[in-house]
């Protein structure tokens, strides 16, 4: 699948997700952002197990 998105929109969404993701974490998967594309929409999800953020 190929996704095209404006850089400014992607950086804004990643900035929101970054506020939840911790740099030093004992569980490595929690230091990542999940990207999911479907129905002409890109969804970014991040969590620290207490708080979850989803941006579209």
N, C-alpha and C. Protein backbone atom coordinates (compact mmCIF):
# COMPACT_ATOMS: atom_id res chain seq x y z
N UNK A 1 0.84 -1.17 0.00
CA UNK A 1 0.00 0.00 0.00
C UNK A 1 0.89 1.24 0.00
N UNK A 2 0.50 2.23 -0.75
CA UNK A 2 1.24 3.48 -0.83
C UNK A 2 0.37 4.59 -0.23
N UNK A 3 0.97 5.37 0.66
CA UNK A 3 0.26 6.45 1.33
C UNK A 3 0.96 7.76 1.02
N UNK A 4 0.19 8.77 0.66
CA UNK A 4 0.74 10.10 0.42
C UNK A 4 0.08 11.05 1.41
N UNK A 5 0.92 11.81 2.13
CA UNK A 5 0.41 12.72 3.14
C UNK A 5 1.30 13.96 3.18
N UNK A 6 0.70 15.09 3.47
CA UNK A 6 1.48 16.32 3.58
C UNK A 6 2.38 16.23 4.81
N UNK A 7 3.60 16.70 4.65
CA UNK A 7 4.59 16.62 5.72
C UNK A 7 4.12 17.33 6.99
N UNK A 8 3.53 18.49 6.85
CA UNK A 8 3.08 19.27 8.01
C UNK A 8 2.02 18.51 8.81
N UNK A 9 1.10 17.84 8.11
CA UNK A 9 0.05 17.08 8.80
C UNK A 9 0.64 15.89 9.55
N UNK A 10 1.59 15.21 8.92
CA UNK A 10 2.23 14.06 9.56
C UNK A 10 3.01 14.50 10.79
N UNK A 11 3.77 15.58 10.69
CA UNK A 11 4.56 16.06 11.82
C UNK A 11 3.67 16.50 12.98
N UNK A 12 2.54 17.10 12.68
CA UNK A 12 1.62 17.53 13.73
C UNK A 12 1.08 16.31 14.48
N UNK A 13 0.67 15.29 13.76
CA UNK A 13 0.15 14.07 14.38
C UNK A 13 1.23 13.33 15.16
N UNK A 14 2.43 13.27 14.61
CA UNK A 14 3.53 12.62 15.32
C UNK A 14 3.89 13.37 16.59
N UNK A 15 3.77 14.69 16.56
CA UNK A 15 4.02 15.49 17.75
C UNK A 15 3.05 15.17 18.87
N UNK A 16 1.78 14.97 18.52
CA UNK A 16 0.79 14.57 19.52
C UNK A 16 1.12 13.20 20.10
N UNK A 17 1.46 12.26 19.23
CA UNK A 17 1.77 10.90 19.67
C UNK A 17 3.05 10.87 20.50
N UNK A 18 4.01 11.69 20.17
CA UNK A 18 5.28 11.73 20.88
C UNK A 18 5.10 12.17 22.33
N UNK A 19 4.07 12.96 22.60
CA UNK A 19 3.84 13.42 23.97
C UNK A 19 3.42 12.27 24.89
N UNK A 20 2.94 11.17 24.34
CA UNK A 20 2.54 10.01 25.13
C UNK A 20 3.66 8.99 25.22
N UNK A 21 4.41 8.81 24.16
CA UNK A 21 5.47 7.80 24.10
C UNK A 21 6.65 8.26 24.96
N UNK A 22 7.08 7.37 25.87
CA UNK A 22 8.22 7.67 26.72
C UNK A 22 9.51 7.17 26.08
N UNK A 23 10.56 7.95 26.23
CA UNK A 23 11.84 7.57 25.63
C UNK A 23 12.47 6.37 26.34
N UNK A 24 12.52 6.41 27.65
CA UNK A 24 13.11 5.31 28.41
C UNK A 24 11.97 4.48 29.00
N UNK A 25 11.79 3.30 28.46
CA UNK A 25 10.70 2.45 28.89
C UNK A 25 11.19 1.02 29.01
N UNK A 26 10.71 0.30 30.00
CA UNK A 26 11.13 -1.10 30.18
C UNK A 26 10.47 -2.04 29.18
N UNK A 27 9.37 -1.59 28.57
CA UNK A 27 8.69 -2.40 27.55
C UNK A 27 8.91 -1.72 26.20
N UNK A 28 9.82 -2.26 25.37
CA UNK A 28 10.21 -1.59 24.12
C UNK A 28 9.07 -1.23 23.17
N UNK A 29 8.01 -2.01 23.11
CA UNK A 29 6.93 -1.74 22.17
C UNK A 29 6.24 -0.42 22.49
N UNK A 30 6.31 0.04 23.73
CA UNK A 30 5.66 1.28 24.12
C UNK A 30 6.42 2.52 23.66
N UNK A 31 7.57 2.34 23.05
CA UNK A 31 8.34 3.48 22.54
C UNK A 31 8.11 3.68 21.04
N UNK A 32 7.02 3.13 20.52
CA UNK A 32 6.71 3.21 19.09
C UNK A 32 5.33 3.81 18.85
N UNK A 33 5.09 4.17 17.61
CA UNK A 33 3.79 4.68 17.18
C UNK A 33 3.25 3.73 16.11
N UNK A 34 2.02 3.32 16.27
CA UNK A 34 1.37 2.43 15.30
C UNK A 34 0.73 3.27 14.20
N UNK A 35 1.06 2.97 12.94
CA UNK A 35 0.47 3.63 11.78
C UNK A 35 -0.47 2.64 11.11
N UNK A 36 -1.70 3.06 10.89
CA UNK A 36 -2.70 2.18 10.28
C UNK A 36 -3.43 2.96 9.19
N UNK A 37 -3.38 2.46 7.97
CA UNK A 37 -4.04 3.13 6.83
C UNK A 37 -5.21 2.29 6.36
N UNK A 38 -6.39 2.92 6.27
CA UNK A 38 -7.56 2.26 5.71
C UNK A 38 -8.61 3.31 5.38
N UNK A 39 -9.36 3.04 4.33
CA UNK A 39 -10.44 3.94 3.90
C UNK A 39 -10.00 5.39 3.75
N UNK A 40 -8.90 5.61 3.04
CA UNK A 40 -8.37 6.96 2.78
C UNK A 40 -8.07 7.74 4.05
N UNK A 41 -7.65 7.03 5.11
CA UNK A 41 -7.37 7.64 6.39
C UNK A 41 -6.12 7.00 6.98
N UNK A 42 -5.25 7.82 7.58
CA UNK A 42 -4.07 7.32 8.28
C UNK A 42 -4.30 7.56 9.77
N UNK A 43 -4.22 6.51 10.55
CA UNK A 43 -4.45 6.59 11.99
C UNK A 43 -3.14 6.33 12.72
N UNK A 44 -2.76 7.21 13.63
CA UNK A 44 -1.57 7.06 14.45
C UNK A 44 -2.02 6.79 15.88
N UNK A 45 -1.46 5.74 16.48
CA UNK A 45 -1.83 5.35 17.84
C UNK A 45 -0.57 5.19 18.68
N UNK A 46 -0.59 5.76 19.89
CA UNK A 46 0.52 5.62 20.82
C UNK A 46 -0.06 5.47 22.22
N UNK A 47 0.65 4.73 23.08
CA UNK A 47 0.19 4.51 24.44
C UNK A 47 1.38 4.37 25.38
N UNK A 48 1.11 4.68 26.66
CA UNK A 48 2.09 4.40 27.70
C UNK A 48 1.47 3.48 28.76
N UNK A 49 0.40 2.79 28.39
CA UNK A 49 -0.37 1.86 29.21
C UNK A 49 -1.30 2.57 30.20
N UNK A 50 -1.12 3.85 30.44
CA UNK A 50 -2.06 4.63 31.26
C UNK A 50 -2.90 5.52 30.38
N UNK A 51 -2.31 6.02 29.31
CA UNK A 51 -2.94 6.97 28.42
C UNK A 51 -2.73 6.53 26.98
N UNK A 52 -3.77 6.60 26.17
CA UNK A 52 -3.66 6.26 24.75
C UNK A 52 -4.12 7.46 23.93
N UNK A 53 -3.39 7.73 22.86
CA UNK A 53 -3.76 8.83 21.97
C UNK A 53 -3.92 8.26 20.56
N UNK A 54 -5.00 8.65 19.90
CA UNK A 54 -5.28 8.24 18.52
C UNK A 54 -5.51 9.51 17.72
N UNK A 55 -4.75 9.67 16.65
CA UNK A 55 -4.87 10.85 15.79
C UNK A 55 -5.13 10.37 14.38
N UNK A 56 -6.06 11.06 13.67
CA UNK A 56 -6.38 10.68 12.30
C UNK A 56 -6.06 11.81 11.36
